[in-house]
Structures are given as C-alpha cells and as structure tokens.
Amino acid sequence: MVREPVTIAVTYSLHPLLARYVSCPATDERVGVSLAPGTTIETMLRDECGLMPETPVFVTMEGRTVALATELHDGDVLGIFLAVGGG
C-alpha cells in the first residue's frame, strides 16, 4: 500500500513586478511552502500569496510554461511572472 504524503514541498519565486498584487514576498528569491497534496498552482497563488484570479500571470515549471490548473507535486519549482505586453 502506497501512502500519500501529508504535505508536499513546493518552491517558487515571484517576479518583483507582482509586488503590488500579492501579500507574500515578491522577489526573485525562492520561497518554500508546504501544501496539501492535490493543490493546484491557482489555489497556491490565492491561498499563499493572496493573488486575485483576474491578475494576469504566467507560470513556469522546469523551464516550460504551465497552466494555473496544474496540480503540484512534491519538489516542484515554479517561476511566477506578471503577464505584460508592450513594444
């Protein structure tokens, strides 16, 4: 019988441009959190950082852009960025 972990460890960094939208530290430094198994990126951002769902962000995991609905797993490392455009 395989036991599910009680919590998973996830590491993330929030780009400084997100500072005005979140309640957690928005620096390029990595922050570690413990989450319940089955937590999605969107839930983590809302519960851990107070990020409102309408804030335009994109998230990378292992160098690839991933959906906010992606379920997190133990050891995941995320980069979270404000989606901005211009030119």
Protein backbone atom coordinates (compact mmCIF):
# COMPACT_ATOMS: atom_id res chain seq x y z
CA MET A 1 0.00 0.00 0.00
CA VAL A 2 1.42 3.37 -1.06
CA ARG A 3 0.86 6.20 1.38
CA GLU A 4 0.05 9.67 0.12
CA PRO A 5 2.23 12.37 1.69
CA VAL A 6 0.54 14.56 4.29
CA THR A 7 2.09 17.63 2.68
CA ILE A 8 4.15 18.40 -0.38
CA ALA A 9 7.07 20.84 -0.54
CA VAL A 10 6.96 23.38 -3.36
CA THR A 11 9.40 26.19 -4.10
CA TYR A 12 8.50 29.32 -6.02
CA SER A 13 9.80 32.75 -6.91
CA LEU A 14 7.58 35.72 -7.70
CA HIS A 15 8.88 38.32 -10.11
CA PRO A 16 9.17 41.73 -8.39
CA LEU A 17 6.60 43.27 -10.77
CA LEU A 18 3.99 41.22 -8.88
CA ALA A 19 4.70 43.01 -5.57
CA ARG A 20 1.66 45.26 -5.82
CA TYR A 21 -0.68 42.29 -6.40
CA VAL A 22 0.38 39.87 -3.65
CA SER A 23 0.66 39.66 0.13
CA CYS A 24 3.75 37.41 0.12
CA PRO A 25 7.34 38.43 -0.75
CA ALA A 26 7.72 39.25 -4.46
CA THR A 27 11.41 38.85 -5.13
CA ASP A 28 13.45 36.69 -7.40
CA GLU A 29 14.49 34.71 -4.30
CA ARG A 30 12.96 31.28 -3.88
CA VAL A 31 10.38 30.66 -1.18
CA GLY A 32 9.46 27.21 0.10
CA VAL A 33 5.95 26.24 1.18
CA SER A 34 4.22 23.11 2.42
CA LEU A 35 0.92 22.36 0.72
CA ALA A 36 -1.74 19.70 0.75
CA PRO A 37 -1.44 17.04 -1.97
CA GLY A 38 -3.68 17.90 -4.92
CA THR A 39 -3.16 21.66 -4.60
CA THR A 40 -3.14 23.47 -7.93
CA ILE A 41 -0.96 26.42 -8.86
CA GLU A 42 -4.02 28.68 -8.89
CA THR A 43 -5.01 27.60 -5.37
CA MET A 44 -1.46 28.08 -4.09
CA LEU A 45 -1.29 31.60 -5.54
CA ARG A 46 -4.63 32.54 -3.99
CA ASP A 47 -4.10 30.95 -0.57
CA GLU A 48 -0.38 31.58 -0.04
CA CYS A 49 0.01 34.93 -1.81
CA GLY A 50 -3.44 36.49 -1.93
CA LEU A 51 -3.27 36.76 -5.71
CA MET A 52 -6.65 37.61 -7.23
CA PRO A 53 -7.77 35.31 -10.07
CA GLU A 54 -8.07 38.23 -12.52
CA THR A 55 -4.37 39.14 -12.17
CA PRO A 56 -2.68 38.13 -15.44
CA VAL A 57 0.22 35.82 -14.64
CA PHE A 58 2.12 33.03 -16.29
CA VAL A 59 3.96 30.28 -14.51
CA THR A 60 6.97 28.21 -15.49
CA MET A 61 7.96 24.83 -14.15
CA GLU A 62 11.23 23.24 -15.25
CA GLY A 63 11.60 25.87 -17.97
CA ARG A 64 8.15 25.32 -19.51
CA THR A 65 5.01 27.41 -19.20
CA VAL A 66 2.28 25.53 -17.35
CA ALA A 67 -1.44 26.11 -16.77
CA LEU A 68 -2.70 27.53 -13.49
CA ALA A 69 -4.86 24.41 -13.14
CA THR A 70 -1.71 22.23 -12.96
CA GLU A 71 -1.64 20.04 -9.86
CA LEU A 72 1.52 20.48 -7.82
CA HIS A 73 3.78 17.65 -6.68
CA ASP A 74 6.47 17.33 -4.06
CA GLY A 75 9.66 19.05 -5.20
CA ASP A 76 8.11 21.28 -7.89
CA VAL A 77 9.92 24.57 -8.52
CA LEU A 78 7.90 27.43 -10.02
CA GLY A 79 8.66 30.81 -11.53
CA ILE A 80 5.71 33.21 -11.41
CA PHE A 81 5.61 36.28 -13.63
CA LEU A 82 3.23 39.14 -14.38
CA ALA A 83 1.95 38.76 -17.93
CA VAL A 84 2.71 42.11 -19.54
CA GLY A 85 2.88 43.22 -23.12
CA GLY A 86 4.19 46.17 -24.96
CA GLY A 87 6.64 47.14 -27.50
